[in-house]
Amino acid sequence: MLKHEENEMLTRVGPGTPMGELIRRYWIPAAFSHQIPDCDGPPVRVRLMCEDLVLFRDTQGRLGLLEERCPHRTASLFYGRNEESGLRCVYHGLKFDVHGNCTDLPCIPQASDEERARTALELKTRSYPCIERGDVVWTYMGPPELQPEFPELEWALLPAEQRFASRHIQECNWLQGLEGGFDATHLTFLHGGDAEKSRRIVATLYEVMATDFGFIVGTGRDPGEGDIMWNMNVMLMPFHKIISSRPHAAHVWAPIDDENTMLYSINFHPSRPLTAEDLARETSFRGIHTENYARSDHAIRNKANEYLIDRKLQASGKSYTGMKGLGTQDCAIQESMGPIADRSKEHLLASDAAIVKIRRLLRQTLADHAAGKPLPGMNPESFRVRSARCELPRGVPLGDAMKDAVRLEHMPPTA
């Protein structure tokens, strides 16, 4: 279990908090590109890292992510006019470019040029740089002088036809999502069916290894036939997971604020377009994606309607939970822990070894950040990894073999 102050340190993401300042050192997803397709089109609200922002695409196609409140009288720039290379506040006509510079002050025509220039400098508003990768708008919210290159995240660099992505709001802290993603034991229960079968396939061996991109979680299962079957999932700092599946998959837990998370879920194939069969499987919403209300980031199966749990299905033994879809099942359990889980009340078991080690690694990374030490994932090439599986003879430690197994240059071509 964690002490209360340790839990606060790992979960809070607002400006000035240890975890908030750490996450701001990385590129964070803010929206899908299709949400702002047109130059001078309507702006979009974005809440990210406890900050209320507004995203727009200007006349030249450049992306701007600004503090939502106009620095003049704090009116919302969401209602602004996106025109002539800037977003104009409709309250008094002040206009701001993608860098947050105030470029027009029509409400003070009596001011001299010198006064207008001085006032414009005073009215510069907070802005964050944005880029587009993988049909996602990413932003960097950390110190400008420390802005890293965008990492070589495999799914974000593939052609659009080789990728399917969705997102939805998860009503809990980002760390609950991340920990749930690397809690291997839950896979055979929460996402399973027959209870007796689930008990037979529970992992019994756990390895967690820090890397130059984040960490690797190895879970071993002994089927009783000689070799240990290892599954290796990778965590890319600060909130990415790559999942070994067919096709491959990924999650990104982007903090909206302390009590809400935007979960991006992606399926991708490294070497071919996704087939109709691939897409049909994902859009049936029985996998990692959730079915949302139309033009909404809110899932249809949610806390307010008890995730439409089917108790008869649950009792039948065909579904451990009676809930449709892996994504729904994950959200139901993670949200049931509360907006921010109180980890001081946990009673951890041997099967939680990976969770304990992950928390220890995150705390060490926070300490390294506070001390000004190098952070994992700053080298864009370090993200050239993919989750993997292997079999090793009983008694042979996974150890450094994990690092070689997940590097893309060591992996065979995908079938």
Protein backbone atom coordinates (compact mmCIF):
# COMPACT_ATOMS: atom_id res chain seq x y z
CA MET A 1 0.00 0.00 0.00
CA LEU A 2 1.02 3.63 -0.34
CA LYS A 3 0.98 6.38 2.24
CA HIS A 4 -1.51 9.16 1.59
CA GLU A 5 1.18 11.66 0.64
CA GLU A 6 2.76 9.16 -1.77
CA ASN A 7 -0.61 8.56 -3.42
CA GLU A 8 -1.11 12.29 -3.80
CA MET A 9 2.33 12.67 -5.38
CA LEU A 10 1.61 9.98 -8.00
CA THR A 11 -1.92 11.03 -8.90
CA ARG A 12 -2.20 14.82 -8.88
CA VAL A 13 -1.40 16.42 -12.25
CA GLY A 14 -2.19 20.13 -11.93
CA PRO A 15 0.42 22.85 -12.55
CA GLY A 16 3.16 22.75 -9.93
CA THR A 17 2.51 19.19 -8.75
CA PRO A 18 5.39 16.67 -9.03
CA MET A 19 3.57 14.31 -11.40
CA GLY A 20 1.99 17.18 -13.31
CA GLU A 21 5.36 18.75 -13.99
CA LEU A 22 6.84 15.39 -15.00
CA ILE A 23 4.07 14.55 -17.49
CA ARG A 24 4.36 18.04 -18.99
CA ARG A 25 7.90 17.12 -20.10
CA TYR A 26 6.36 14.78 -22.72
CA TRP A 27 4.06 15.18 -25.73
CA ILE A 28 0.40 14.77 -24.67
CA PRO A 29 -2.58 13.98 -26.96
CA ALA A 30 -5.08 16.84 -27.00
CA ALA A 31 -7.59 15.92 -29.73
CA PHE A 32 -8.11 14.03 -32.96
CA SER A 33 -7.18 15.93 -36.12
CA HIS A 34 -10.67 15.35 -37.53
CA GLN A 35 -12.11 17.50 -34.73
CA ILE A 36 -10.51 20.60 -36.28
CA PRO A 37 -10.34 19.76 -40.01
CA ASP A 38 -10.71 23.25 -41.52
CA CYS A 39 -8.60 26.38 -41.54
CA ASP A 40 -10.52 29.18 -39.79
CA GLY A 41 -13.01 26.54 -38.61
CA PRO A 42 -14.72 26.37 -35.22
CA PRO A 43 -12.41 26.11 -32.21
CA VAL A 44 -12.61 23.13 -29.86
CA ARG A 45 -12.54 23.05 -26.08
CA VAL A 46 -9.73 20.96 -24.55
CA ARG A 47 -9.34 20.20 -20.86
CA LEU A 48 -5.92 18.75 -20.19
CA MET A 49 -3.76 18.43 -17.06
CA CYS A 50 -6.33 20.44 -15.02
CA GLU A 51 -6.15 23.32 -17.51
CA ASP A 52 -9.04 24.66 -19.62
CA LEU A 53 -7.81 25.37 -23.14
CA VAL A 54 -9.13 26.06 -26.63
CA LEU A 55 -7.72 24.53 -29.82
CA PHE A 56 -8.01 26.08 -33.29
CA ARG A 57 -6.53 25.85 -36.78
CA ASP A 58 -5.68 29.24 -38.26
CA THR A 59 -5.80 30.57 -41.83
CA GLN A 60 -2.41 29.02 -42.66
CA GLY A 61 -3.37 25.66 -41.13
CA ARG A 62 -1.25 26.19 -38.03
CA LEU A 63 -2.55 24.79 -34.74
CA GLY A 64 -3.03 26.97 -31.68
CA LEU A 65 -3.75 25.75 -28.16
CA LEU A 66 -4.50 28.69 -25.87
CA GLU A 67 -5.75 29.25 -22.36
CA GLU A 68 -9.53 29.38 -22.74
CA ARG A 69 -9.97 32.58 -20.75
CA CYS A 70 -9.24 35.83 -22.56
CA PRO A 71 -6.62 37.73 -20.51
CA HIS A 72 -8.68 40.93 -20.83
CA ARG A 73 -11.94 40.15 -18.98
CA THR A 74 -11.66 36.32 -18.76
CA ALA A 75 -14.42 35.61 -21.28
CA SER A 76 -14.21 32.24 -23.02
CA LEU A 77 -12.29 32.16 -26.30
CA PHE A 78 -14.29 29.07 -27.29
CA TYR A 79 -16.90 31.50 -28.61
CA GLY A 80 -14.25 33.39 -30.55
CA ARG A 81 -14.18 34.16 -34.28
CA ASN A 82 -11.43 32.17 -36.01
CA GLU A 83 -10.38 34.55 -38.77
CA GLU A 84 -7.36 36.06 -40.54
CA SER A 85 -4.66 34.11 -38.71
CA GLY A 86 -6.04 34.48 -35.21
CA LEU A 87 -8.80 33.79 -32.73
CA ARG A 88 -10.80 36.93 -31.94
CA CYS A 89 -12.62 37.25 -28.61
CA VAL A 90 -16.25 38.22 -29.30
CA TYR A 91 -16.50 40.26 -26.08
CA HIS A 92 -14.24 43.17 -27.03
CA GLY A 93 -12.59 42.06 -30.28
CA LEU A 94 -9.06 41.24 -29.05
CA LYS A 95 -7.32 38.77 -31.36
CA PHE A 96 -4.66 36.18 -30.51
CA ASP A 97 -2.41 34.18 -32.80
CA VAL A 98 -1.36 30.54 -32.33
CA HIS A 99 1.54 31.66 -30.11
CA GLY A 100 -0.76 33.55 -27.73
CA ASN A 101 0.32 36.98 -28.98
CA CYS A 102 -2.33 39.70 -28.93
CA THR A 103 -2.29 40.97 -32.53
CA ASP A 104 -5.26 43.35 -32.53
CA LEU A 105 -6.82 45.69 -29.92
CA PRO A 106 -9.82 47.30 -31.68
CA CYS A 107 -11.48 48.27 -28.38
CA ILE A 108 -8.87 50.99 -27.61
CA PRO A 109 -8.66 53.07 -30.80
CA GLN A 110 -7.68 56.14 -28.76
CA ALA A 111 -4.39 54.57 -27.60
CA SER A 112 -1.11 55.58 -29.18
CA ASP A 113 0.94 53.04 -31.09
CA GLU A 114 3.35 52.82 -28.17
CA GLU A 115 0.53 52.22 -25.69
CA ARG A 116 -1.05 49.60 -27.93
CA ALA A 117 2.26 47.76 -28.30
CA ARG A 118 2.84 47.79 -24.54
CA THR A 119 -0.70 46.62 -23.82
CA ALA A 120 -0.45 43.85 -26.41
CA LEU A 121 2.65 42.51 -24.63
CA GLU A 122 0.83 42.56 -21.31
CA LEU A 123 -2.09 40.64 -22.82
CA LYS A 124 -0.04 37.75 -24.22
CA THR A 125 -1.87 34.60 -23.17
CA ARG A 126 -0.65 31.11 -22.34
CA SER A 127 -0.13 28.93 -25.41
CA TYR A 128 1.27 25.48 -26.04
CA PRO A 129 2.97 24.19 -29.22
CA CYS A 130 1.13 21.51 -31.17
CA ILE A 131 1.99 18.97 -33.85
CA GLU A 132 -0.01 16.29 -35.66
CA ARG A 133 1.07 12.65 -35.69
CA GLY A 134 -1.13 9.66 -36.37
CA ASP A 135 -4.19 11.89 -36.98
CA VAL A 136 -3.85 13.11 -33.39
CA VAL A 137 -3.03 16.62 -32.22
CA TRP A 138 -0.25 16.45 -29.62
CA THR A 139 0.87 19.28 -27.37
CA TYR A 140 3.91 19.97 -25.21
CA MET A 141 3.11 21.78 -21.95
CA GLY A 142 6.54 21.85 -20.30
CA PRO A 143 9.42 24.36 -20.27
CA PRO A 144 10.00 25.56 -23.86
CA GLU A 145 13.75 25.17 -23.61
CA LEU A 146 13.32 21.46 -22.73
CA GLN A 147 10.88 20.55 -25.52
CA PRO A 148 11.82 17.09 -26.84
CA GLU A 149 11.45 15.73 -30.33
CA PHE A 150 8.29 13.75 -30.94
CA PRO A 151 9.03 10.10 -30.14
CA GLU A 152 9.07 7.39 -32.80
CA LEU A 153 5.81 5.90 -31.57
CA GLU A 154 5.05 3.19 -34.09
CA TRP A 155 1.28 3.54 -34.45
CA ALA A 156 1.48 7.33 -34.75
CA LEU A 157 3.87 7.09 -37.72
CA LEU A 158 1.86 4.62 -39.81
CA PRO A 159 -0.46 5.49 -42.72
CA ALA A 160 -4.07 6.11 -41.70
CA GLU A 161 -5.33 2.90 -43.32
CA GLN A 162 -3.13 0.83 -41.01
CA ARG A 163 -4.68 2.26 -37.86
CA PHE A 164 -8.05 2.48 -36.07
CA ALA A 165 -8.35 4.81 -33.08
CA SER A 166 -11.05 5.91 -30.68
CA ARG A 167 -11.20 7.73 -27.37
CA HIS A 168 -13.54 8.15 -24.43
CA ILE A 169 -13.64 9.80 -21.04
CA GLN A 170 -12.80 7.58 -18.10
CA GLU A 171 -14.20 8.92 -14.83
CA CYS A 172 -11.18 8.32 -12.64
CA ASN A 173 -7.56 9.31 -12.15
CA TRP A 174 -5.06 8.49 -14.90
CA LEU A 175 -2.99 6.19 -12.65
CA GLN A 176 -5.94 3.84 -12.14
CA GLY A 177 -6.04 3.33 -15.89
CA LEU A 178 -2.30 2.86 -16.21
CA GLU A 179 -2.08 0.39 -13.33
CA GLY A 180 -5.09 -1.50 -14.66
CA GLY A 181 -3.37 -1.80 -18.01
CA PHE A 182 -0.39 -3.54 -16.43
CA ASP A 183 -2.30 -5.68 -13.92
CA ALA A 184 -1.84 -9.00 -15.71
CA THR A 185 -3.87 -11.15 -13.31
CA HIS A 186 -7.13 -9.36 -14.06
CA LEU A 187 -7.05 -10.48 -17.69
CA THR A 188 -8.09 -14.04 -16.86
CA PHE A 189 -10.87 -12.96 -14.52
CA LEU A 190 -12.32 -9.58 -15.49
CA HIS A 191 -12.11 -10.34 -19.22
CA GLY A 192 -12.74 -14.07 -18.91
CA GLY A 193 -15.67 -16.44 -18.79
CA ASP A 194 -15.52 -19.77 -17.02
CA ALA A 195 -14.22 -19.31 -13.46
CA GLU A 196 -12.46 -22.66 -13.16
CA LYS A 197 -10.69 -22.16 -16.48
CA SER A 198 -9.58 -18.70 -15.34
CA ARG A 199 -7.91 -20.12 -12.23
CA ARG A 200 -5.89 -22.53 -14.36
CA ILE A 201 -4.27 -19.82 -16.49
CA VAL A 202 -3.33 -17.19 -13.88
CA ALA A 203 0.24 -15.90 -14.24
CA THR A 204 2.57 -16.85 -11.39
CA LEU A 205 5.84 -15.11 -12.35
CA TYR A 206 6.39 -11.36 -12.59
CA GLU A 207 9.29 -9.22 -13.77
CA VAL A 208 9.46 -5.43 -14.08
CA MET A 209 12.50 -3.77 -15.65
CA ALA A 210 13.28 -0.08 -16.02
CA THR A 211 14.39 0.91 -19.53
CA ASP A 212 15.40 3.99 -21.51
CA PHE A 213 11.75 4.43 -22.60
CA GLY A 214 9.91 3.54 -19.38
CA PHE A 215 9.57 -0.05 -18.25
CA ILE A 216 8.73 -3.59 -19.33
CA VAL A 217 6.33 -5.80 -17.40
CA GLY A 218 6.88 -9.52 -17.94
CA THR A 219 4.28 -12.01 -16.71
CA GLY A 220 5.01 -15.73 -16.84
CA ARG A 221 2.53 -18.59 -16.97
CA ASP A 222 3.46 -22.21 -16.39
CA PRO A 223 1.14 -24.52 -18.35
CA GLY A 224 2.89 -27.53 -16.81
CA GLU A 225 4.46 -28.70 -20.05
CA GLY A 226 8.06 -27.62 -19.61
CA ASP A 227 8.55 -24.04 -20.82
CA ILE A 228 7.31 -20.87 -19.17
CA MET A 229 5.11 -18.73 -21.43
CA TRP A 230 6.11 -15.07 -21.03
CA ASN A 231 4.08 -12.05 -22.07
CA MET A 232 5.95 -8.73 -22.17
CA ASN A 233 4.07 -5.44 -22.20
CA VAL A 234 5.85 -2.11 -22.54
CA MET A 235 5.09 1.16 -20.81
CA LEU A 236 6.39 4.22 -22.67
CA MET A 237 6.71 7.27 -20.46
CA PRO A 238 4.59 8.73 -19.19
CA PHE A 239 1.26 7.03 -20.06
CA HIS A 240 1.56 4.78 -23.13
CA LYS A 241 1.03 1.03 -23.33
CA ILE A 242 1.66 -1.16 -26.37
CA ILE A 243 -0.35 -4.39 -26.34
CA SER A 244 0.66 -7.64 -28.02
CA SER A 245 -2.39 -8.74 -30.03
CA ARG A 246 -3.61 -9.28 -33.59
CA PRO A 247 -3.62 -6.60 -34.83
CA HIS A 248 -1.35 -4.80 -32.40
CA ALA A 249 -2.93 -2.36 -29.98
CA ALA A 250 -2.08 0.60 -27.77
CA HIS A 251 -3.53 2.77 -25.03
CA VAL A 252 -2.76 6.34 -23.99
CA TRP A 253 -4.11 7.59 -20.64
CA ALA A 254 -4.05 11.39 -21.01
CA PRO A 255 -5.04 13.18 -17.78
CA ILE A 256 -7.97 15.57 -18.20
CA ASP A 257 -7.66 16.51 -14.55
CA ASP A 258 -7.12 14.69 -11.26
CA GLU A 259 -10.40 12.80 -11.49
CA ASN A 260 -10.93 12.25 -15.22
CA THR A 261 -8.86 10.72 -18.01
CA MET A 262 -9.11 10.71 -21.81
CA LEU A 263 -8.34 7.16 -22.84
CA TYR A 264 -7.12 6.80 -26.43
CA SER A 265 -7.32 3.23 -27.77
CA ILE A 266 -5.62 2.21 -31.01
CA ASN A 267 -5.39 -0.91 -33.15
CA PHE A 268 -2.69 -0.95 -35.80
CA HIS A 269 -0.87 -3.21 -38.21
CA PRO A 270 2.78 -2.37 -38.99
CA SER A 271 2.87 -3.76 -42.52
CA ARG A 272 -0.59 -3.69 -44.12
CA PRO A 273 -3.91 -1.84 -44.06
CA LEU A 274 -6.46 -3.04 -41.55
CA THR A 275 -8.92 -5.40 -43.20
CA ALA A 276 -12.71 -5.28 -43.10
CA GLU A 277 -12.52 -8.22 -40.70
CA ASP A 278 -10.09 -6.33 -38.45
CA LEU A 279 -12.37 -3.30 -38.35
CA ALA A 280 -15.54 -5.33 -37.84
CA ARG A 281 -14.01 -6.94 -34.80
CA GLU A 282 -13.05 -3.59 -33.27
CA THR A 283 -16.30 -1.79 -34.11
CA SER A 284 -18.34 -4.55 -32.49
CA PHE A 285 -17.08 -2.95 -29.25
CA ARG A 286 -16.20 -6.25 -27.62
CA GLY A 287 -12.49 -5.39 -27.54
CA ILE A 288 -10.57 -2.40 -26.22
CA HIS A 289 -12.81 0.26 -27.82
CA THR A 290 -16.02 1.53 -26.26
CA GLU A 291 -19.22 2.50 -28.02
CA ASN A 292 -19.85 6.22 -27.51
CA TYR A 293 -22.87 8.43 -27.86
CA ALA A 294 -22.97 10.18 -31.25
CA ARG A 295 -20.41 13.01 -31.55
CA SER A 296 -19.43 12.47 -27.94
CA ASP A 297 -16.46 11.25 -25.89
CA HIS A 298 -18.83 9.64 -23.36
CA ALA A 299 -19.32 5.89 -23.49
CA ILE A 300 -22.85 4.51 -23.77
CA ARG A 301 -22.06 1.90 -21.11
CA ASN A 302 -21.03 4.04 -18.15
CA LYS A 303 -21.20 4.52 -14.40
CA ALA A 304 -24.58 6.25 -14.53
CA ASN A 305 -26.30 3.18 -16.02
CA GLU A 306 -24.17 0.55 -14.23
CA TYR A 307 -22.42 -0.19 -17.56
CA LEU A 308 -25.61 -1.97 -18.69
CA ILE A 309 -24.50 -5.04 -16.77
CA ASP A 310 -26.40 -8.21 -17.75
CA ARG A 311 -26.71 -10.33 -14.60
CA LYS A 312 -28.17 -13.28 -16.51
CA LEU A 313 -25.17 -13.31 -18.82
CA GLN A 314 -22.86 -13.10 -15.82
CA ALA A 315 -24.63 -16.02 -14.13
CA SER A 316 -24.46 -18.10 -17.31
CA GLY A 317 -20.67 -18.40 -17.04
CA LYS A 318 -20.15 -17.03 -20.53
CA SER A 319 -18.97 -13.68 -19.17
CA TYR A 320 -17.23 -13.12 -15.86
CA THR A 321 -18.76 -9.64 -15.54
CA GLY A 322 -21.88 -9.61 -17.67
CA MET A 323 -20.56 -6.42 -19.32
CA LYS A 324 -19.95 -6.04 -23.03
CA GLY A 325 -16.38 -5.29 -24.10
CA LEU A 326 -12.94 -5.26 -22.54
CA GLY A 327 -12.90 -1.47 -22.48
CA THR A 328 -16.20 -1.31 -20.60
CA GLN A 329 -15.03 -3.93 -18.12
CA ASP A 330 -11.81 -2.04 -17.42
CA CYS A 331 -13.59 1.27 -16.93
CA ALA A 332 -16.23 -0.23 -14.65
CA ILE A 333 -13.69 -1.66 -12.24
CA GLN A 334 -11.24 1.24 -12.36
CA GLU A 335 -13.99 3.80 -11.85
CA SER A 336 -15.48 1.73 -9.02
CA MET A 337 -12.34 2.51 -6.99
CA GLY A 338 -13.44 6.15 -6.81
CA PRO A 339 -12.23 9.27 -8.64
CA ILE A 340 -8.81 8.83 -7.00
CA ALA A 341 -8.23 5.40 -5.47
CA ASP A 342 -7.13 5.50 -1.84
CA ARG A 343 -4.12 3.19 -2.08
CA SER A 344 -3.48 3.49 1.66
CA LYS A 345 -6.40 1.10 2.18
CA GLU A 346 -5.16 -1.63 -0.17
CA HIS A 347 -4.05 -5.10 0.90
CA LEU A 348 -1.70 -6.12 -1.88
CA LEU A 349 -1.07 -9.77 -2.74
CA ALA A 350 1.79 -11.69 -4.33
CA SER A 351 0.06 -11.27 -7.71
CA ASP A 352 0.47 -7.49 -7.35
CA ALA A 353 4.27 -7.64 -7.57
CA ALA A 354 4.27 -5.78 -10.88
CA ILE A 355 2.05 -3.00 -9.51
CA VAL A 356 4.40 -2.49 -6.55
CA LYS A 357 7.43 -2.28 -8.83
CA ILE A 358 5.70 0.10 -11.25
CA ARG A 359 4.89 2.50 -8.43
CA ARG A 360 8.47 2.30 -7.22
CA LEU A 361 9.74 3.14 -10.70
CA LEU A 362 7.37 6.09 -11.04
CA ARG A 363 8.47 7.45 -7.67
CA GLN A 364 12.12 7.09 -8.69
CA THR A 365 11.40 8.94 -11.95
CA LEU A 366 9.80 11.76 -9.98
CA ALA A 367 12.89 11.93 -7.78
CA ASP A 368 15.15 11.97 -10.84
CA HIS A 369 13.09 14.76 -12.39
CA ALA A 370 13.30 16.83 -9.22
CA ALA A 371 17.07 16.31 -9.18
CA GLY A 372 17.44 17.36 -12.82
CA LYS A 373 18.56 13.92 -13.95
CA PRO A 374 17.88 12.57 -17.48
CA LEU A 375 14.36 11.18 -18.00
CA PRO A 376 13.36 8.02 -19.86
CA GLY A 377 11.81 8.50 -23.30
CA MET A 378 13.60 11.72 -24.20
CA ASN A 379 15.47 10.01 -27.04
CA PRO A 380 12.81 9.62 -29.79
CA GLU A 381 14.45 6.39 -31.01
CA SER A 382 13.85 4.74 -27.63
CA PHE A 383 10.15 4.39 -28.53
CA ARG A 384 10.98 1.86 -31.26
CA VAL A 385 9.47 -0.98 -29.23
CA ARG A 386 6.57 -3.36 -29.37
CA SER A 387 5.06 -5.76 -26.83
CA ALA A 388 6.11 -9.36 -27.35
CA ARG A 389 5.73 -12.96 -26.21
CA CYS A 390 8.25 -15.76 -25.82
CA GLU A 391 8.80 -19.14 -24.19
CA LEU A 392 11.76 -19.92 -21.95
CA PRO A 393 12.75 -23.13 -20.13
CA ARG A 394 11.65 -23.26 -16.53
CA GLY A 395 14.29 -21.70 -14.28
CA VAL A 396 15.77 -19.46 -16.97
CA PRO A 397 15.33 -15.82 -15.79
CA LEU A 398 13.73 -13.39 -18.17
CA GLY A 399 16.19 -10.66 -17.20
CA ASP A 400 17.86 -8.68 -19.96
CA ALA A 401 16.21 -10.87 -22.61
CA MET A 402 13.17 -8.63 -22.16
CA LYS A 403 14.99 -5.63 -23.58
CA ASP A 404 16.04 -7.45 -26.74
CA ALA A 405 12.63 -9.06 -27.21
CA VAL A 406 10.69 -5.80 -27.43
CA ARG A 407 13.09 -3.78 -29.62
CA LEU A 408 11.69 -3.47 -33.12
CA GLU A 409 15.01 -4.26 -34.76
CA HIS A 410 15.02 -7.65 -33.01
CA MET A 411 11.47 -8.61 -33.96
CA PRO A 412 10.48 -10.76 -36.95
CA PRO A 413 8.17 -9.29 -39.60
CA THR A 414 4.50 -9.27 -38.65
CA ALA A 415 2.43 -11.84 -40.57
